[in-house]
N, C-alpha and C. Protein backbone atom coordinates (compact mmCIF):
# COMPACT_ATOMS: atom_id res chain seq x y z
N MET A 1 -11.83 -7.62 -27.57
CA MET A 1 -10.78 -8.58 -27.87
C MET A 1 -10.75 -9.66 -26.79
N LYS A 2 -10.70 -10.90 -27.21
CA LYS A 2 -10.64 -12.02 -26.27
C LYS A 2 -9.26 -12.66 -26.35
N LEU A 3 -8.61 -12.82 -25.21
CA LEU A 3 -7.28 -13.41 -25.19
C LEU A 3 -7.37 -14.93 -25.30
N ASN A 4 -6.61 -15.49 -26.24
CA ASN A 4 -6.54 -16.95 -26.30
C ASN A 4 -5.43 -17.42 -25.36
N GLN A 5 -5.26 -18.73 -25.25
CA GLN A 5 -4.32 -19.27 -24.29
C GLN A 5 -2.88 -18.85 -24.60
N LYS A 6 -2.54 -18.77 -25.86
CA LYS A 6 -1.18 -18.34 -26.23
C LYS A 6 -0.92 -16.91 -25.78
N MET A 7 -1.90 -16.03 -25.98
CA MET A 7 -1.76 -14.64 -25.55
C MET A 7 -1.63 -14.55 -24.03
N ILE A 8 -2.44 -15.33 -23.32
CA ILE A 8 -2.40 -15.33 -21.86
C ILE A 8 -1.03 -15.79 -21.38
N THR A 9 -0.49 -16.82 -21.99
CA THR A 9 0.84 -17.31 -21.61
C THR A 9 1.90 -16.26 -21.86
N GLN A 10 1.82 -15.56 -22.99
CA GLN A 10 2.78 -14.50 -23.29
C GLN A 10 2.71 -13.39 -22.23
N LEU A 11 1.49 -13.01 -21.86
CA LEU A 11 1.32 -11.96 -20.86
C LEU A 11 1.85 -12.41 -19.51
N GLU A 12 1.55 -13.64 -19.11
CA GLU A 12 2.02 -14.14 -17.82
C GLU A 12 3.54 -14.22 -17.78
N THR A 13 4.16 -14.62 -18.88
CA THR A 13 5.62 -14.67 -18.95
C THR A 13 6.21 -13.28 -18.78
N PHE A 14 5.60 -12.30 -19.45
CA PHE A 14 6.08 -10.93 -19.35
C PHE A 14 5.92 -10.38 -17.93
N LEU A 15 4.77 -10.65 -17.30
CA LEU A 15 4.54 -10.18 -15.95
C LEU A 15 5.52 -10.81 -14.96
N THR A 16 5.87 -12.06 -15.18
CA THR A 16 6.84 -12.73 -14.32
C THR A 16 8.20 -12.04 -14.43
N LEU A 17 8.59 -11.64 -15.63
CA LEU A 17 9.84 -10.92 -15.82
C LEU A 17 9.81 -9.59 -15.08
N LEU A 18 8.69 -8.89 -15.13
CA LEU A 18 8.58 -7.60 -14.45
C LEU A 18 8.65 -7.76 -12.94
N GLU A 19 8.07 -8.82 -12.41
CA GLU A 19 8.12 -9.05 -10.96
C GLU A 19 9.55 -9.14 -10.46
N GLN A 20 10.44 -9.64 -11.29
CA GLN A 20 11.83 -9.82 -10.89
C GLN A 20 12.59 -8.50 -10.79
N THR A 21 11.99 -7.41 -11.29
CA THR A 21 12.65 -6.11 -11.23
C THR A 21 12.25 -5.31 -9.99
N THR A 22 11.36 -5.83 -9.16
CA THR A 22 10.93 -5.08 -7.97
C THR A 22 12.07 -5.00 -6.96
N TYR A 23 11.96 -4.04 -6.07
CA TYR A 23 12.98 -3.86 -5.03
C TYR A 23 12.29 -3.41 -3.74
N PRO A 24 12.88 -3.71 -2.57
CA PRO A 24 12.25 -3.33 -1.30
C PRO A 24 12.27 -1.82 -1.10
N GLU A 25 11.31 -1.34 -0.32
CA GLU A 25 11.21 0.08 -0.03
C GLU A 25 11.19 0.29 1.48
N PRO A 26 12.35 0.38 2.11
CA PRO A 26 12.39 0.60 3.55
C PRO A 26 11.93 2.00 3.92
N PRO A 27 11.36 2.18 5.10
CA PRO A 27 10.88 3.51 5.51
C PRO A 27 12.04 4.46 5.77
N THR A 28 11.79 5.75 5.53
CA THR A 28 12.77 6.78 5.85
C THR A 28 12.05 7.95 6.50
N GLU A 29 12.79 8.74 7.24
CA GLU A 29 12.20 9.89 7.91
C GLU A 29 11.66 10.89 6.90
N GLY A 30 12.39 11.10 5.81
CA GLY A 30 11.96 12.06 4.80
C GLY A 30 10.66 11.65 4.13
N ILE A 31 10.54 10.36 3.81
CA ILE A 31 9.31 9.88 3.18
C ILE A 31 8.13 10.02 4.13
N GLY A 32 8.35 9.67 5.38
CA GLY A 32 7.28 9.80 6.38
C GLY A 32 6.83 11.24 6.54
N ARG A 33 7.78 12.16 6.56
CA ARG A 33 7.44 13.58 6.68
C ARG A 33 6.65 14.05 5.47
N SER A 34 7.07 13.62 4.27
CA SER A 34 6.37 13.99 3.04
C SER A 34 4.94 13.45 3.03
N MET A 35 4.77 12.20 3.46
CA MET A 35 3.44 11.60 3.51
C MET A 35 2.51 12.39 4.42
N LYS A 36 3.02 12.74 5.61
CA LYS A 36 2.18 13.47 6.57
C LYS A 36 1.80 14.85 6.05
N GLN A 37 2.72 15.49 5.32
CA GLN A 37 2.41 16.79 4.74
C GLN A 37 1.30 16.68 3.70
N VAL A 38 1.38 15.64 2.87
CA VAL A 38 0.35 15.44 1.84
C VAL A 38 -0.99 15.12 2.49
N ILE A 39 -0.98 14.25 3.48
CA ILE A 39 -2.22 13.88 4.16
C ILE A 39 -2.86 15.10 4.80
N ALA A 40 -2.05 15.94 5.44
CA ALA A 40 -2.57 17.17 6.06
C ALA A 40 -3.17 18.10 5.00
N HIS A 41 -2.52 18.18 3.84
CA HIS A 41 -3.03 19.02 2.75
C HIS A 41 -4.38 18.51 2.26
N ILE A 42 -4.48 17.20 2.07
CA ILE A 42 -5.75 16.62 1.61
C ILE A 42 -6.85 16.85 2.65
N GLN A 43 -6.52 16.64 3.93
CA GLN A 43 -7.51 16.83 4.99
C GLN A 43 -8.00 18.28 5.05
N SER A 44 -7.09 19.23 4.80
CA SER A 44 -7.48 20.64 4.87
C SER A 44 -8.44 21.02 3.74
N LYS A 45 -8.27 20.41 2.57
CA LYS A 45 -9.11 20.73 1.42
C LYS A 45 -10.37 19.87 1.38
N PHE A 46 -10.25 18.62 1.83
CA PHE A 46 -11.37 17.68 1.77
C PHE A 46 -11.46 16.97 3.12
N PRO A 47 -12.08 17.59 4.13
CA PRO A 47 -12.09 17.04 5.49
C PRO A 47 -12.63 15.62 5.59
N GLY A 48 -13.52 15.21 4.68
CA GLY A 48 -14.09 13.87 4.78
C GLY A 48 -13.43 12.84 3.90
N ALA A 49 -12.26 13.18 3.33
CA ALA A 49 -11.64 12.28 2.35
C ALA A 49 -11.16 10.98 2.99
N PHE A 50 -10.53 11.07 4.16
CA PHE A 50 -9.98 9.88 4.81
C PHE A 50 -11.02 9.29 5.74
N GLN A 51 -11.62 8.20 5.30
CA GLN A 51 -12.62 7.51 6.10
C GLN A 51 -12.76 6.09 5.61
N GLY A 52 -13.40 5.26 6.42
CA GLY A 52 -13.69 3.90 5.98
C GLY A 52 -12.44 3.08 5.75
N ARG A 53 -12.42 2.37 4.65
CA ARG A 53 -11.35 1.42 4.36
C ARG A 53 -10.39 2.00 3.32
N ILE A 54 -9.09 1.90 3.60
CA ILE A 54 -8.05 2.46 2.75
C ILE A 54 -7.33 1.33 2.01
N LEU A 55 -7.00 1.57 0.75
CA LEU A 55 -6.16 0.66 -0.02
C LEU A 55 -4.84 1.36 -0.30
N ASP A 56 -3.74 0.80 0.19
CA ASP A 56 -2.40 1.34 -0.04
C ASP A 56 -1.74 0.51 -1.14
N ILE A 57 -1.63 1.10 -2.32
CA ILE A 57 -1.09 0.40 -3.48
C ILE A 57 0.41 0.63 -3.56
N GLY A 58 1.18 -0.47 -3.54
CA GLY A 58 2.63 -0.36 -3.49
C GLY A 58 3.06 0.10 -2.11
N CYS A 59 2.64 -0.65 -1.09
CA CYS A 59 2.73 -0.20 0.31
C CYS A 59 4.13 -0.23 0.89
N GLY A 60 5.11 -0.78 0.15
CA GLY A 60 6.46 -0.86 0.72
C GLY A 60 6.46 -1.66 2.02
N GLN A 61 7.13 -1.13 3.02
CA GLN A 61 7.19 -1.82 4.31
C GLN A 61 6.22 -1.26 5.32
N GLY A 62 5.18 -0.59 4.81
CA GLY A 62 4.05 -0.22 5.64
C GLY A 62 4.12 1.15 6.30
N GLN A 63 4.93 2.06 5.75
CA GLN A 63 5.07 3.37 6.39
C GLN A 63 3.75 4.15 6.38
N ALA A 64 3.04 4.15 5.26
CA ALA A 64 1.75 4.84 5.21
C ALA A 64 0.70 4.10 6.04
N ILE A 65 0.77 2.77 6.05
CA ILE A 65 -0.18 2.00 6.86
C ILE A 65 -0.08 2.38 8.33
N GLU A 66 1.14 2.59 8.82
CA GLU A 66 1.35 3.00 10.21
C GLU A 66 0.71 4.37 10.47
N ILE A 67 0.88 5.29 9.52
CA ILE A 67 0.29 6.62 9.68
C ILE A 67 -1.23 6.54 9.69
N PHE A 68 -1.79 5.75 8.79
CA PHE A 68 -3.25 5.60 8.74
C PHE A 68 -3.78 4.92 10.01
N ALA A 69 -3.01 3.98 10.55
CA ALA A 69 -3.42 3.32 11.79
C ALA A 69 -3.50 4.33 12.94
N GLU A 70 -2.55 5.27 12.97
CA GLU A 70 -2.57 6.32 13.99
C GLU A 70 -3.80 7.20 13.84
N MET A 71 -4.33 7.27 12.62
CA MET A 71 -5.54 8.06 12.35
C MET A 71 -6.81 7.24 12.61
N GLY A 72 -6.64 5.98 13.01
CA GLY A 72 -7.78 5.12 13.28
C GLY A 72 -8.41 4.51 12.06
N LEU A 73 -7.63 4.42 10.98
CA LEU A 73 -8.16 3.92 9.71
C LEU A 73 -7.71 2.49 9.43
N GLN A 74 -8.62 1.69 8.88
CA GLN A 74 -8.31 0.32 8.49
C GLN A 74 -7.70 0.33 7.09
N THR A 75 -6.51 -0.24 6.95
CA THR A 75 -5.80 -0.19 5.67
C THR A 75 -5.40 -1.58 5.20
N THR A 76 -5.61 -1.83 3.92
CA THR A 76 -5.10 -3.02 3.25
C THR A 76 -4.02 -2.58 2.27
N GLY A 77 -2.87 -3.23 2.31
CA GLY A 77 -1.79 -2.89 1.41
C GLY A 77 -1.54 -3.99 0.40
N ILE A 78 -0.97 -3.61 -0.74
CA ILE A 78 -0.55 -4.62 -1.72
C ILE A 78 0.88 -4.32 -2.17
N THR A 79 1.61 -5.37 -2.50
CA THR A 79 2.98 -5.24 -2.97
C THR A 79 3.34 -6.45 -3.81
N LEU A 80 4.36 -6.30 -4.66
CA LEU A 80 4.90 -7.42 -5.42
C LEU A 80 6.32 -7.75 -4.99
N ASN A 81 6.77 -7.14 -3.89
CA ASN A 81 8.12 -7.41 -3.40
C ASN A 81 8.04 -8.31 -2.17
N ASN A 82 8.69 -9.46 -2.24
CA ASN A 82 8.58 -10.44 -1.16
C ASN A 82 9.21 -9.96 0.15
N ASP A 83 10.29 -9.19 0.07
CA ASP A 83 10.90 -8.66 1.30
C ASP A 83 9.94 -7.72 2.02
N ASP A 84 9.32 -6.81 1.26
CA ASP A 84 8.36 -5.89 1.86
C ASP A 84 7.16 -6.65 2.43
N LEU A 85 6.70 -7.65 1.70
CA LEU A 85 5.55 -8.44 2.15
C LEU A 85 5.84 -9.11 3.48
N GLU A 86 7.01 -9.71 3.61
CA GLU A 86 7.37 -10.42 4.84
C GLU A 86 7.47 -9.46 6.02
N ILE A 87 8.08 -8.29 5.80
CA ILE A 87 8.22 -7.32 6.88
C ILE A 87 6.85 -6.81 7.31
N CYS A 88 5.97 -6.52 6.36
CA CYS A 88 4.62 -6.06 6.70
C CYS A 88 3.85 -7.11 7.49
N ARG A 89 4.00 -8.35 7.11
CA ARG A 89 3.28 -9.41 7.82
C ARG A 89 3.85 -9.63 9.22
N GLN A 90 5.15 -9.40 9.38
CA GLN A 90 5.73 -9.46 10.71
C GLN A 90 5.16 -8.37 11.61
N LYS A 91 4.79 -7.26 10.99
CA LYS A 91 4.18 -6.16 11.72
C LYS A 91 2.67 -6.36 11.91
N LYS A 92 2.15 -7.48 11.43
CA LYS A 92 0.73 -7.82 11.54
C LYS A 92 -0.17 -6.92 10.70
N PHE A 93 0.38 -6.36 9.63
CA PHE A 93 -0.43 -5.55 8.72
C PHE A 93 -1.17 -6.45 7.74
N ASP A 94 -2.32 -5.96 7.27
CA ASP A 94 -3.11 -6.67 6.25
C ASP A 94 -2.53 -6.31 4.88
N VAL A 95 -1.57 -7.10 4.42
CA VAL A 95 -0.90 -6.82 3.16
C VAL A 95 -0.96 -8.08 2.29
N ARG A 96 -1.31 -7.88 1.02
CA ARG A 96 -1.46 -8.99 0.07
C ARG A 96 -0.39 -8.91 -1.02
N TYR A 97 0.00 -10.05 -1.53
CA TYR A 97 0.87 -10.11 -2.69
C TYR A 97 -0.01 -9.97 -3.91
N MET A 98 0.04 -8.81 -4.58
CA MET A 98 -0.93 -8.53 -5.63
C MET A 98 -0.39 -7.47 -6.58
N ASP A 99 -0.72 -7.63 -7.86
CA ASP A 99 -0.35 -6.67 -8.89
C ASP A 99 -1.40 -5.55 -8.92
N MET A 100 -0.95 -4.30 -8.94
CA MET A 100 -1.89 -3.17 -8.92
C MET A 100 -2.76 -3.12 -10.17
N SER A 101 -2.33 -3.75 -11.25
CA SER A 101 -3.12 -3.74 -12.48
C SER A 101 -4.16 -4.85 -12.52
N PHE A 102 -4.08 -5.78 -11.57
CA PHE A 102 -5.02 -6.90 -11.51
C PHE A 102 -5.51 -7.03 -10.07
N LEU A 103 -6.23 -6.02 -9.60
CA LEU A 103 -6.68 -5.98 -8.22
C LEU A 103 -7.73 -7.06 -7.96
N GLU A 104 -7.48 -7.88 -6.97
CA GLU A 104 -8.35 -9.01 -6.65
C GLU A 104 -9.35 -8.63 -5.55
N PHE A 105 -10.00 -7.51 -5.74
CA PHE A 105 -10.99 -7.03 -4.79
C PHE A 105 -12.33 -6.86 -5.49
N GLU A 106 -13.38 -6.79 -4.68
CA GLU A 106 -14.72 -6.59 -5.23
C GLU A 106 -14.88 -5.15 -5.70
N ASP A 107 -15.88 -4.91 -6.52
CA ASP A 107 -16.19 -3.55 -6.95
C ASP A 107 -16.54 -2.68 -5.74
N GLU A 108 -16.07 -1.43 -5.77
CA GLU A 108 -16.41 -0.43 -4.76
C GLU A 108 -16.16 -0.93 -3.34
N GLU A 109 -14.98 -1.50 -3.14
CA GLU A 109 -14.66 -2.07 -1.83
C GLU A 109 -13.95 -1.06 -0.91
N PHE A 110 -13.37 0.00 -1.48
CA PHE A 110 -12.56 0.92 -0.67
C PHE A 110 -13.09 2.35 -0.74
N ASP A 111 -12.82 3.08 0.35
CA ASP A 111 -13.24 4.48 0.45
C ASP A 111 -12.14 5.45 0.02
N PHE A 112 -10.89 5.02 0.10
CA PHE A 112 -9.77 5.88 -0.28
C PHE A 112 -8.65 4.99 -0.82
N ILE A 113 -8.01 5.44 -1.90
CA ILE A 113 -6.85 4.73 -2.45
C ILE A 113 -5.63 5.63 -2.33
N TRP A 114 -4.59 5.08 -1.75
CA TRP A 114 -3.31 5.78 -1.60
C TRP A 114 -2.31 5.09 -2.52
N CYS A 115 -1.80 5.83 -3.50
CA CYS A 115 -0.87 5.25 -4.47
C CYS A 115 0.29 6.22 -4.67
N ARG A 116 1.30 6.08 -3.85
CA ARG A 116 2.43 7.00 -3.87
C ARG A 116 3.64 6.29 -4.47
N HIS A 117 4.17 6.86 -5.58
CA HIS A 117 5.38 6.33 -6.22
C HIS A 117 5.22 4.87 -6.60
N CYS A 118 4.11 4.56 -7.25
CA CYS A 118 3.87 3.17 -7.63
C CYS A 118 3.38 3.03 -9.07
N ILE A 119 2.44 3.86 -9.50
CA ILE A 119 1.82 3.63 -10.81
C ILE A 119 2.82 3.83 -11.95
N GLU A 120 3.93 4.53 -11.71
CA GLU A 120 4.97 4.62 -12.75
C GLU A 120 5.62 3.26 -13.02
N HIS A 121 5.38 2.29 -12.13
CA HIS A 121 5.87 0.93 -12.32
C HIS A 121 4.93 0.09 -13.18
N SER A 122 3.80 0.66 -13.58
CA SER A 122 2.85 -0.05 -14.44
C SER A 122 3.21 0.18 -15.90
N PHE A 123 3.22 -0.90 -16.69
CA PHE A 123 3.49 -0.74 -18.12
C PHE A 123 2.20 -0.44 -18.89
N MET A 124 1.08 -0.41 -18.19
CA MET A 124 -0.21 -0.08 -18.82
C MET A 124 -1.04 0.76 -17.85
N PRO A 125 -0.61 1.98 -17.57
CA PRO A 125 -1.23 2.78 -16.52
C PRO A 125 -2.70 3.12 -16.75
N PHE A 126 -3.13 3.23 -18.00
CA PHE A 126 -4.54 3.51 -18.28
C PHE A 126 -5.41 2.37 -17.74
N PHE A 127 -5.00 1.14 -18.05
CA PHE A 127 -5.71 -0.04 -17.55
C PHE A 127 -5.65 -0.09 -16.02
N THR A 128 -4.50 0.25 -15.46
CA THR A 128 -4.32 0.24 -14.01
C THR A 128 -5.27 1.22 -13.34
N LEU A 129 -5.40 2.42 -13.90
CA LEU A 129 -6.32 3.41 -13.35
C LEU A 129 -7.77 2.95 -13.42
N PHE A 130 -8.13 2.23 -14.47
CA PHE A 130 -9.48 1.66 -14.56
C PHE A 130 -9.74 0.71 -13.38
N GLY A 131 -8.71 -0.03 -12.99
CA GLY A 131 -8.85 -0.91 -11.83
C GLY A 131 -9.05 -0.13 -10.54
N PHE A 132 -8.31 0.98 -10.40
CA PHE A 132 -8.49 1.83 -9.22
C PHE A 132 -9.95 2.32 -9.16
N TYR A 133 -10.43 2.77 -10.31
CA TYR A 133 -11.80 3.28 -10.38
C TYR A 133 -12.81 2.21 -9.98
N ARG A 134 -12.59 1.01 -10.43
CA ARG A 134 -13.53 -0.09 -10.15
C ARG A 134 -13.65 -0.38 -8.66
N VAL A 135 -12.53 -0.43 -7.94
CA VAL A 135 -12.57 -0.86 -6.53
C VAL A 135 -12.86 0.29 -5.57
N LEU A 136 -12.89 1.53 -6.08
CA LEU A 136 -13.18 2.68 -5.23
C LEU A 136 -14.69 2.93 -5.18
N LYS A 137 -15.19 3.25 -4.00
CA LYS A 137 -16.62 3.54 -3.85
C LYS A 137 -16.98 4.85 -4.52
N LYS A 138 -18.24 4.99 -4.90
CA LYS A 138 -18.72 6.24 -5.47
C LYS A 138 -18.50 7.38 -4.47
N GLY A 139 -17.94 8.47 -4.94
CA GLY A 139 -17.64 9.59 -4.06
C GLY A 139 -16.33 9.45 -3.32
N GLY A 140 -15.65 8.31 -3.50
CA GLY A 140 -14.39 8.07 -2.82
C GLY A 140 -13.24 8.85 -3.44
N PHE A 141 -12.20 9.06 -2.64
CA PHE A 141 -11.02 9.80 -3.08
C PHE A 141 -9.84 8.87 -3.32
N ALA A 142 -8.90 9.36 -4.12
CA ALA A 142 -7.63 8.66 -4.32
C ALA A 142 -6.52 9.70 -4.40
N TYR A 143 -5.35 9.30 -3.94
CA TYR A 143 -4.17 10.16 -4.09
C TYR A 143 -3.13 9.38 -4.88
N VAL A 144 -2.72 9.94 -6.02
CA VAL A 144 -1.73 9.30 -6.89
C VAL A 144 -0.55 10.26 -7.02
N GLU A 145 0.64 9.79 -6.63
CA GLU A 145 1.84 10.63 -6.72
C GLU A 145 2.86 9.97 -7.63
N VAL A 146 3.39 10.76 -8.57
CA VAL A 146 4.31 10.21 -9.58
C VAL A 146 5.52 11.13 -9.74
N PRO A 147 6.66 10.57 -10.18
CA PRO A 147 7.82 11.41 -10.46
C PRO A 147 7.73 12.05 -11.84
N ALA A 148 8.26 13.25 -11.95
CA ALA A 148 8.32 13.92 -13.25
C ALA A 148 9.46 13.34 -14.07
N PRO A 149 9.33 13.30 -15.39
CA PRO A 149 10.42 12.83 -16.24
C PRO A 149 11.49 13.91 -16.42
N ASP A 150 12.67 13.48 -16.77
CA ASP A 150 13.75 14.37 -17.21
C ASP A 150 14.21 15.37 -16.16
N THR A 151 14.12 15.01 -14.89
CA THR A 151 14.75 15.81 -13.84
C THR A 151 16.19 15.35 -13.70
N GLU A 152 16.94 16.00 -12.80
CA GLU A 152 18.33 15.62 -12.59
C GLU A 152 18.45 14.18 -12.09
N VAL A 153 17.39 13.69 -11.42
CA VAL A 153 17.42 12.32 -10.89
C VAL A 153 17.27 11.29 -12.01
N GLY A 154 16.51 11.62 -13.06
CA GLY A 154 16.36 10.72 -14.20
C GLY A 154 15.52 9.49 -13.89
N HIS A 155 14.31 9.70 -13.40
CA HIS A 155 13.46 8.56 -13.03
C HIS A 155 13.16 7.64 -14.20
N GLN A 156 13.15 8.18 -15.42
CA GLN A 156 12.86 7.36 -16.59
C GLN A 156 13.95 6.32 -16.84
N THR A 157 15.11 6.46 -16.21
CA THR A 157 16.19 5.50 -16.40
C THR A 157 16.12 4.33 -15.41
N ASN A 158 15.23 4.43 -14.42
CA ASN A 158 15.03 3.33 -13.48
C ASN A 158 14.45 2.13 -14.23
N LYS A 159 15.11 0.99 -14.16
CA LYS A 159 14.71 -0.18 -14.94
C LYS A 159 13.36 -0.76 -14.50
N ASN A 160 12.85 -0.30 -13.36
CA ASN A 160 11.53 -0.75 -12.90
C ASN A 160 10.46 0.32 -13.11
N HIS A 161 10.83 1.41 -13.78
CA HIS A 161 9.88 2.45 -14.14
C HIS A 161 9.52 2.31 -15.61
N PHE A 162 8.22 2.18 -15.89
CA PHE A 162 7.77 1.97 -17.26
C PHE A 162 6.86 3.09 -17.77
N SER A 163 6.42 3.97 -16.87
CA SER A 163 5.48 5.02 -17.26
C SER A 163 5.80 6.32 -16.53
N VAL A 164 6.95 6.89 -16.83
CA VAL A 164 7.30 8.20 -16.28
C VAL A 164 6.83 9.24 -17.29
N LEU A 165 5.57 9.63 -17.15
CA LEU A 165 4.90 10.46 -18.14
C LEU A 165 4.87 11.93 -17.72
N GLY A 166 4.52 12.79 -18.67
CA GLY A 166 4.34 14.20 -18.38
C GLY A 166 3.05 14.45 -17.60
N LYS A 167 2.98 15.62 -16.96
CA LYS A 167 1.82 15.95 -16.13
C LYS A 167 0.52 15.94 -16.94
N SER A 168 0.54 16.53 -18.15
CA SER A 168 -0.68 16.60 -18.94
C SER A 168 -1.17 15.22 -19.36
N MET A 169 -0.23 14.28 -19.61
CA MET A 169 -0.64 12.92 -19.98
C MET A 169 -1.26 12.20 -18.79
N TRP A 170 -0.67 12.38 -17.60
CA TRP A 170 -1.28 11.77 -16.42
C TRP A 170 -2.69 12.34 -16.20
N SER A 171 -2.83 13.65 -16.37
CA SER A 171 -4.14 14.27 -16.19
C SER A 171 -5.17 13.70 -17.16
N GLU A 172 -4.74 13.48 -18.40
CA GLU A 172 -5.64 12.92 -19.40
C GLU A 172 -6.06 11.50 -19.05
N LEU A 173 -5.10 10.68 -18.64
CA LEU A 173 -5.42 9.29 -18.29
C LEU A 173 -6.36 9.23 -17.09
N ILE A 174 -6.14 10.09 -16.13
CA ILE A 174 -7.00 10.14 -14.95
C ILE A 174 -8.44 10.50 -15.35
N ILE A 175 -8.58 11.50 -16.19
CA ILE A 175 -9.91 11.93 -16.64
C ILE A 175 -10.57 10.83 -17.47
N ARG A 176 -9.81 10.23 -18.38
CA ARG A 176 -10.38 9.17 -19.24
C ARG A 176 -10.81 7.95 -18.42
N SER A 177 -10.20 7.76 -17.27
CA SER A 177 -10.56 6.63 -16.41
C SER A 177 -11.84 6.90 -15.63
N GLY A 178 -12.34 8.13 -15.67
CA GLY A 178 -13.59 8.46 -15.00
C GLY A 178 -13.45 9.37 -13.80
N PHE A 179 -12.21 9.64 -13.37
CA PHE A 179 -11.99 10.47 -12.20
C PHE A 179 -12.03 11.96 -12.55
N PHE A 180 -12.15 12.78 -11.51
CA PHE A 180 -11.92 14.21 -11.64
C PHE A 180 -11.13 14.66 -10.42
N GLY A 181 -10.49 15.83 -10.50
CA GLY A 181 -9.72 16.28 -9.37
C GLY A 181 -8.74 17.37 -9.73
N GLU A 182 -7.65 17.45 -8.95
CA GLU A 182 -6.66 18.50 -9.13
C GLU A 182 -5.28 17.92 -8.86
N ASN A 183 -4.25 18.69 -9.23
CA ASN A 183 -2.90 18.22 -8.97
C ASN A 183 -2.12 19.26 -8.18
N ILE A 184 -1.11 18.78 -7.44
CA ILE A 184 -0.21 19.65 -6.70
C ILE A 184 1.22 19.30 -7.10
N ASP A 185 2.07 20.31 -7.21
CA ASP A 185 3.47 20.10 -7.57
C ASP A 185 4.29 19.98 -6.30
N LEU A 186 5.15 18.98 -6.26
CA LEU A 186 5.98 18.74 -5.10
C LEU A 186 7.45 18.81 -5.50
N ASP A 187 8.12 19.90 -5.15
CA ASP A 187 9.54 20.05 -5.44
C ASP A 187 10.34 19.53 -4.27
N ILE A 188 11.26 18.61 -4.55
CA ILE A 188 12.01 17.95 -3.48
C ILE A 188 13.49 18.01 -3.79
N LYS A 189 14.29 18.37 -2.81
CA LYS A 189 15.74 18.27 -2.92
C LYS A 189 16.18 16.91 -2.38
N THR A 190 16.88 16.14 -3.17
CA THR A 190 17.33 14.83 -2.72
C THR A 190 18.58 14.99 -1.87
N LEU A 191 18.99 13.91 -1.23
CA LEU A 191 20.18 13.95 -0.39
C LEU A 191 21.42 14.32 -1.18
N GLY A 192 21.44 13.98 -2.44
CA GLY A 192 22.59 14.31 -3.27
C GLY A 192 22.56 15.73 -3.81
N GLY A 193 21.55 16.50 -3.43
CA GLY A 193 21.46 17.87 -3.87
C GLY A 193 20.83 18.03 -5.24
N GLN A 194 20.36 16.95 -5.83
CA GLN A 194 19.76 17.03 -7.16
C GLN A 194 18.33 17.57 -7.08
N LYS A 195 17.92 18.25 -8.12
CA LYS A 195 16.56 18.78 -8.17
C LYS A 195 15.61 17.67 -8.60
N ASP A 196 14.56 17.47 -7.82
CA ASP A 196 13.60 16.43 -8.15
C ASP A 196 12.20 17.01 -8.05
N ILE A 197 11.30 16.54 -8.90
CA ILE A 197 9.94 17.03 -8.93
C ILE A 197 8.97 15.85 -8.96
N TYR A 198 7.94 15.94 -8.12
CA TYR A 198 6.86 14.95 -8.12
C TYR A 198 5.54 15.68 -8.31
N TRP A 199 4.59 14.99 -8.92
CA TRP A 199 3.24 15.52 -9.06
C TRP A 199 2.28 14.66 -8.27
N GLY A 200 1.45 15.32 -7.48
CA GLY A 200 0.44 14.61 -6.71
C GLY A 200 -0.94 14.93 -7.24
N PHE A 201 -1.74 13.91 -7.50
CA PHE A 201 -3.09 14.10 -8.02
C PHE A 201 -4.10 13.68 -6.95
N ILE A 202 -4.91 14.63 -6.50
CA ILE A 202 -5.99 14.33 -5.56
C ILE A 202 -7.24 14.16 -6.41
N ILE A 203 -7.71 12.93 -6.54
CA ILE A 203 -8.78 12.66 -7.49
C ILE A 203 -9.97 11.99 -6.80
N ARG A 204 -11.10 12.03 -7.46
CA ARG A 204 -12.34 11.51 -6.86
C ARG A 204 -13.19 10.80 -7.89
N LYS A 205 -13.87 9.78 -7.42
CA LYS A 205 -14.84 9.07 -8.25
C LYS A 205 -16.20 9.74 -8.07
N PRO A 206 -16.88 10.06 -9.17
CA PRO A 206 -18.19 10.75 -9.03
C PRO A 206 -19.17 9.97 -8.17
N GLU A 207 -20.07 10.71 -7.53
CA GLU A 207 -21.13 10.10 -6.71
C GLU A 207 -22.05 9.25 -7.57
């Protein structure tokens, strides 16, 4: 299918509307602790996973970038929130204003992709995952973490969440995109005492 100019304009108008629903993601102690636990888990199972150049998709205000910097890793982040972008640039981080579904990078440019609590903001996650696959090097790893639907928190009611899917559907989309891997269940108690569940997928692009 080839998009004509009218279709392109319709898509651009829609994407502009979606950009207006973004919100800043300030760092918190709990998020930082969760990130470090996941990173330690990945390192224990796949010692060579974190290497080379990292892409942090939906980087917020750079909390994961700071952790990766402590590990001696070069990280590029992307975001569609101007507040987060400005704060990251004040910190001298390499962060770009970019949509995760339209990655402006060369093929096989990154060794690891970190995508925590972001792909549920994509209205076309299958296409988005194809983009992840394209920019990841052969044999490279990715970590994708998503919220489960229908928990007490109700992530599907977030007006900026468009793809709060079931675990089996995420697994299918990941496989159809060319990746293979495994998932881990993350049960989290929120500050309000509500039961919340996240699924983390440790996935890899074939050699």
